[in-house]
Amino acid sequence: MGEEGTRAGHIRQAARSGVAASECMKVLDRLPDETSADYVYRLLYYNILMLYMPPGSWIREGAIADQLGLSRTPVHAAMGFLRDRHLVDVAPQSATHVSKIDISELRQGCFMRAAIEPLVFKQVGASLTDDDRLHLTGLVERQREIATGGRSEDEYVELDAEFHRTVYVAAGKGFVWEFVRKACAPYDRVRSMGVLFGYERPAIEEHEELLHYLTFGGLTDEGLDSLVRTHLSHYVAYFDKLQADFPDYFTFGE
């Protein structure tokens, strides 16, 4: 069974009877000078976002630590960060689970980004360097390869986030980006589900338009607002079907 089939199988198994997160975890290479806690957090965040660890899967800190060859201390610290982002549910004297996706938080996250992001694109202006534009162009080119079947869809999700992060940082809004990412974790998870399971086609047209705007301008404020908000709201078109196909993975303000 291929990687996508395995991941889909884990998601459906978690719906029926639960699945151990350590059994479906994709291990990433550790970065140079990365602390153990930062490494575990990045790895677990990636696995939750990319659905290797689906909603409802249960997490045993000891099993994760053993698989990574680490003590439980950095795993426990990473769990605290994930809990703060509402990505895991930690109950005393009970199993820790990957959290369900809260629909209310999803909608609020999309509202937040739709309100903030047009302002960031408008403000970046002259602060966008030639290196920034070169980096953004490279991201779009790599996304184009994915849209034509040349790269993995996991990478598409990461490239999408990197495109927007680059713009925030260039605008001097790196802290805002970190805050938005934390608050918008449910939104990110739904967008990932849409791309990874075929509800949404990987597409680059809007990133190309945004890159053209950043390079040459040419959009009115209203036009930019519309473009950014359209880009951020793709999930609306398939969310009802996604929720119907995976009802056990969603909750509403519990």
Protein backbone atom coordinates (compact mmCIF):
# COMPACT_ATOMS: atom_id res chain seq x y z
CA MET A 1 0.00 0.00 0.00
CA GLY A 2 1.37 3.44 -0.90
CA GLU A 3 1.91 6.26 1.56
CA GLU A 4 -1.37 8.01 0.72
CA GLY A 5 -3.30 4.76 1.05
CA THR A 6 -1.66 4.06 4.40
CA ARG A 7 -2.51 7.52 5.70
CA ALA A 8 -6.14 7.25 4.54
CA GLY A 9 -6.34 3.84 6.20
CA HIS A 10 -5.11 5.26 9.51
CA ILE A 11 -7.70 8.02 9.34
CA ARG A 12 -10.54 5.58 8.78
CA GLN A 13 -9.23 3.19 11.42
CA ALA A 14 -9.07 6.01 13.96
CA ALA A 15 -12.73 6.71 13.26
CA ARG A 16 -13.69 3.12 14.00
CA SER A 17 -11.56 2.11 16.94
CA GLY A 18 -8.66 4.49 17.39
CA VAL A 19 -5.06 4.11 16.31
CA ALA A 20 -1.77 4.62 18.13
CA ALA A 21 -0.08 7.76 16.88
CA SER A 22 3.36 6.19 17.29
CA GLU A 23 2.38 3.44 14.82
CA CYS A 24 1.63 5.88 11.99
CA MET A 25 4.14 8.63 12.79
CA LYS A 26 6.45 9.80 10.02
CA VAL A 27 9.90 10.45 11.49
CA LEU A 28 11.64 13.59 10.25
CA ASP A 29 15.34 14.35 10.26
CA ARG A 30 16.49 16.50 13.14
CA LEU A 31 17.80 19.93 12.18
CA PRO A 32 21.27 21.10 13.19
CA ASP A 33 21.30 22.75 16.64
CA GLU A 34 17.61 21.89 17.17
CA THR A 35 16.78 21.13 20.80
CA SER A 36 15.09 17.84 21.58
CA ALA A 37 11.85 19.59 22.62
CA ASP A 38 11.78 21.73 19.48
CA TYR A 39 12.45 18.67 17.33
CA VAL A 40 9.65 16.64 18.91
CA TYR A 41 7.24 19.55 18.65
CA ARG A 42 8.04 20.14 14.98
CA LEU A 43 7.75 16.43 14.22
CA LEU A 44 4.43 15.96 16.01
CA TYR A 45 2.99 19.18 14.59
CA TYR A 46 3.92 18.02 11.09
CA ASN A 47 2.36 14.59 11.65
CA ILE A 48 -0.88 16.08 12.97
CA LEU A 49 -1.12 18.70 10.23
CA MET A 50 -0.33 16.16 7.49
CA LEU A 51 -2.77 13.63 8.98
CA TYR A 52 -0.28 10.86 9.63
CA MET A 53 -1.63 11.20 13.17
CA PRO A 54 -5.36 11.61 12.53
CA PRO A 55 -7.92 13.19 14.85
CA GLY A 56 -8.73 10.77 17.64
CA SER A 57 -5.48 8.82 17.48
CA TRP A 58 -4.05 8.25 20.93
CA ILE A 59 -0.58 9.28 21.98
CA ARG A 60 1.66 7.61 24.53
CA GLU A 61 4.61 9.79 25.40
CA GLY A 62 6.75 6.78 26.24
CA ALA A 63 6.12 5.16 22.87
CA ILE A 64 7.01 8.38 21.03
CA ALA A 65 10.17 8.79 23.11
CA ASP A 66 11.24 5.20 22.51
CA GLN A 67 10.72 5.47 18.77
CA LEU A 68 12.80 8.65 18.60
CA GLY A 69 15.49 7.43 21.00
CA LEU A 70 14.81 10.30 23.43
CA SER A 71 13.78 10.65 27.04
CA ARG A 72 10.16 11.46 27.88
CA THR A 73 11.07 14.98 29.03
CA PRO A 74 11.19 16.66 25.57
CA VAL A 75 8.13 14.69 24.47
CA HIS A 76 6.20 15.93 27.51
CA ALA A 77 7.32 19.51 26.82
CA ALA A 78 6.19 19.24 23.19
CA MET A 79 2.80 17.96 24.33
CA GLY A 80 2.35 21.14 26.32
CA PHE A 81 2.96 23.27 23.23
CA LEU A 82 0.56 21.14 21.18
CA ARG A 83 -2.09 21.41 23.87
CA ASP A 84 -1.78 25.20 23.81
CA ARG A 85 -2.52 25.09 20.07
CA HIS A 86 -5.54 22.84 20.68
CA LEU A 87 -3.92 20.04 18.69
CA VAL A 88 -3.94 17.46 21.47
CA ASP A 89 -6.29 16.79 24.35
CA VAL A 90 -4.39 15.96 27.54
CA ALA A 91 -6.49 14.52 30.36
CA PRO A 92 -4.94 13.62 33.74
CA GLN A 93 -4.85 9.88 34.38
CA SER A 94 -6.18 9.26 30.89
CA ALA A 95 -4.90 8.81 27.36
CA THR A 96 -3.75 11.80 25.33
CA HIS A 97 -5.46 12.08 21.95
CA VAL A 98 -4.99 14.15 18.84
CA SER A 99 -7.81 16.66 19.15
CA LYS A 100 -10.84 16.82 16.93
CA ILE A 101 -11.14 19.85 14.66
CA ASP A 102 -13.30 22.51 16.28
CA ILE A 103 -15.58 24.03 13.62
CA SER A 104 -16.08 27.26 15.57
CA GLU A 105 -12.31 27.73 15.88
CA LEU A 106 -11.90 26.88 12.20
CA ARG A 107 -14.31 29.66 11.17
CA GLN A 108 -12.78 32.16 13.59
CA GLY A 109 -9.31 31.35 12.29
CA CYS A 110 -10.37 31.97 8.70
CA PHE A 111 -12.03 35.23 9.79
CA MET A 112 -8.80 36.32 11.48
CA ARG A 113 -6.59 35.60 8.49
CA ALA A 114 -9.05 37.20 6.07
CA ALA A 115 -9.01 40.36 8.20
CA ILE A 116 -5.24 40.53 8.74
CA GLU A 117 -3.67 39.17 5.58
CA PRO A 118 -4.80 41.80 3.05
CA LEU A 119 -3.26 44.44 5.32
CA VAL A 120 0.03 42.53 5.41
CA PHE A 121 0.19 42.33 1.61
CA LYS A 122 -0.56 46.03 1.35
CA GLN A 123 2.09 46.98 3.91
CA VAL A 124 4.96 44.82 2.64
CA GLY A 125 5.62 47.25 -0.22
CA ALA A 126 9.20 48.40 -0.59
CA SER A 127 10.37 46.23 2.32
CA LEU A 128 10.15 43.16 0.06
CA THR A 129 13.74 42.55 -1.05
CA ASP A 130 15.01 41.00 -4.26
CA ASP A 131 15.92 37.90 -2.24
CA ASP A 132 12.35 37.74 -0.94
CA ARG A 133 10.96 37.91 -4.48
CA LEU A 134 13.40 35.26 -5.65
CA HIS A 135 12.37 33.01 -2.76
CA LEU A 136 8.66 33.53 -3.47
CA THR A 137 9.21 32.84 -7.16
CA GLY A 138 10.97 29.59 -6.29
CA LEU A 139 8.10 28.55 -4.03
CA VAL A 140 5.57 29.15 -6.81
CA GLU A 141 7.69 27.21 -9.29
CA ARG A 142 7.86 24.24 -6.92
CA GLN A 143 4.10 24.42 -6.38
CA ARG A 144 3.66 24.38 -10.15
CA GLU A 145 5.54 21.07 -10.26
CA ILE A 146 3.13 19.63 -7.70
CA ALA A 147 0.09 20.89 -9.60
CA THR A 148 1.37 19.02 -12.66
CA GLY A 149 2.14 15.85 -10.73
CA GLY A 150 5.87 16.31 -10.26
CA ARG A 151 6.08 16.56 -6.46
CA SER A 152 4.26 15.31 -3.36
CA GLU A 153 1.14 17.02 -2.10
CA ASP A 154 2.60 17.06 1.42
CA GLU A 155 5.15 19.51 0.09
CA TYR A 156 2.41 21.64 -1.48
CA VAL A 157 0.91 22.25 1.97
CA GLU A 158 4.30 23.25 3.35
CA LEU A 159 5.06 25.53 0.40
CA ASP A 160 1.74 27.29 0.79
CA ALA A 161 2.54 28.12 4.41
CA GLU A 162 6.08 29.21 3.52
CA PHE A 163 4.77 31.59 0.84
CA HIS A 164 2.58 33.40 3.35
CA ARG A 165 5.19 33.29 6.12
CA THR A 166 7.72 34.95 3.81
CA VAL A 167 5.34 37.83 3.13
CA TYR A 168 4.57 38.36 6.82
CA VAL A 169 8.24 38.34 7.77
CA ALA A 170 9.15 40.71 4.91
CA ALA A 171 6.45 43.08 6.15
CA GLY A 172 7.97 43.01 9.65
CA LYS A 173 5.07 40.93 10.93
CA GLY A 174 6.83 37.71 11.86
CA PHE A 175 5.33 37.74 15.37
CA VAL A 176 1.88 38.21 13.87
CA TRP A 177 2.47 35.20 11.62
CA GLU A 178 3.37 33.01 14.61
CA PHE A 179 0.25 34.19 16.45
CA VAL A 180 -1.95 33.59 13.40
CA ARG A 181 -0.54 30.10 12.87
CA LYS A 182 -1.21 29.21 16.48
CA ALA A 183 -4.78 30.50 16.38
CA CYS A 184 -5.51 29.02 12.94
CA ALA A 185 -4.40 25.42 13.50
CA PRO A 186 -7.94 24.04 12.80
CA TYR A 187 -8.03 25.99 9.54
CA ASP A 188 -4.63 24.61 8.54
CA ARG A 189 -5.74 21.05 9.30
CA VAL A 190 -8.85 21.35 7.15
CA ARG A 191 -6.89 22.85 4.25
CA SER A 192 -4.44 19.96 4.54
CA MET A 193 -7.25 17.41 4.48
CA GLY A 194 -8.69 19.09 1.41
CA VAL A 195 -5.45 18.89 -0.55
CA LEU A 196 -4.17 15.54 0.68
CA PHE A 197 -7.42 13.67 0.08
CA GLY A 198 -8.46 15.23 -3.18
CA TYR A 199 -11.23 17.61 -2.12
CA GLU A 200 -9.17 20.55 -3.34
CA ARG A 201 -6.94 20.58 -6.43
CA PRO A 202 -3.43 21.89 -5.84
CA ALA A 203 -3.45 25.17 -7.74
CA ILE A 204 -1.07 28.07 -8.03
CA GLU A 205 -3.03 30.71 -9.92
CA GLU A 206 -3.74 32.84 -6.86
CA HIS A 207 -0.17 32.65 -5.61
CA GLU A 208 0.96 33.73 -9.07
CA GLU A 209 -1.43 36.68 -8.92
CA LEU A 210 -0.22 37.62 -5.44
CA LEU A 211 3.40 37.39 -6.55
CA HIS A 212 2.60 39.58 -9.58
CA TYR A 213 1.00 42.12 -7.23
CA LEU A 214 4.04 42.10 -4.95
CA THR A 215 6.32 42.62 -7.94
CA PHE A 216 4.35 45.01 -10.14
CA GLY A 217 1.30 46.18 -8.19
CA GLY A 218 -1.76 46.73 -10.33
CA LEU A 219 -4.55 45.76 -7.93
CA THR A 220 -6.89 48.15 -6.16
CA ASP A 221 -7.31 47.70 -2.43
CA GLU A 222 -10.68 46.10 -3.09
CA GLY A 223 -9.18 43.78 -5.69
CA LEU A 224 -6.42 42.65 -3.33
CA ASP A 225 -8.90 42.11 -0.50
CA SER A 226 -11.02 39.94 -2.78
CA LEU A 227 -8.05 37.92 -4.05
CA VAL A 228 -6.67 37.16 -0.59
CA ARG A 229 -10.05 36.27 0.88
CA THR A 230 -10.90 34.03 -2.06
CA HIS A 231 -7.56 32.29 -1.66
CA LEU A 232 -8.17 31.69 2.04
CA SER A 233 -11.75 30.43 1.70
CA HIS A 234 -11.32 27.49 -0.67
CA TYR A 235 -12.28 25.07 2.09
CA VAL A 236 -15.85 26.40 2.10
CA ALA A 237 -16.56 24.68 -1.24
CA TYR A 238 -15.80 21.20 0.07
CA PHE A 239 -16.20 21.47 3.84
CA ASP A 240 -19.73 20.03 4.03
CA LYS A 241 -18.63 16.92 2.12
CA LEU A 242 -15.47 16.62 4.18
CA GLN A 243 -17.47 16.79 7.39
CA ALA A 244 -19.98 14.26 6.06
CA ASP A 245 -17.18 11.85 5.07
CA PHE A 246 -15.33 12.21 8.38
CA PRO A 247 -17.97 13.20 10.98
CA ASP A 248 -16.02 11.82 13.92
CA TYR A 249 -13.15 14.23 13.36
CA PHE A 250 -15.09 17.41 14.01
CA THR A 251 -16.64 19.09 16.99
CA PHE A 252 -18.36 22.43 17.52
CA GLY A 253 -17.26 24.45 20.51
CA GLU A 254 -17.11 21.62 23.00
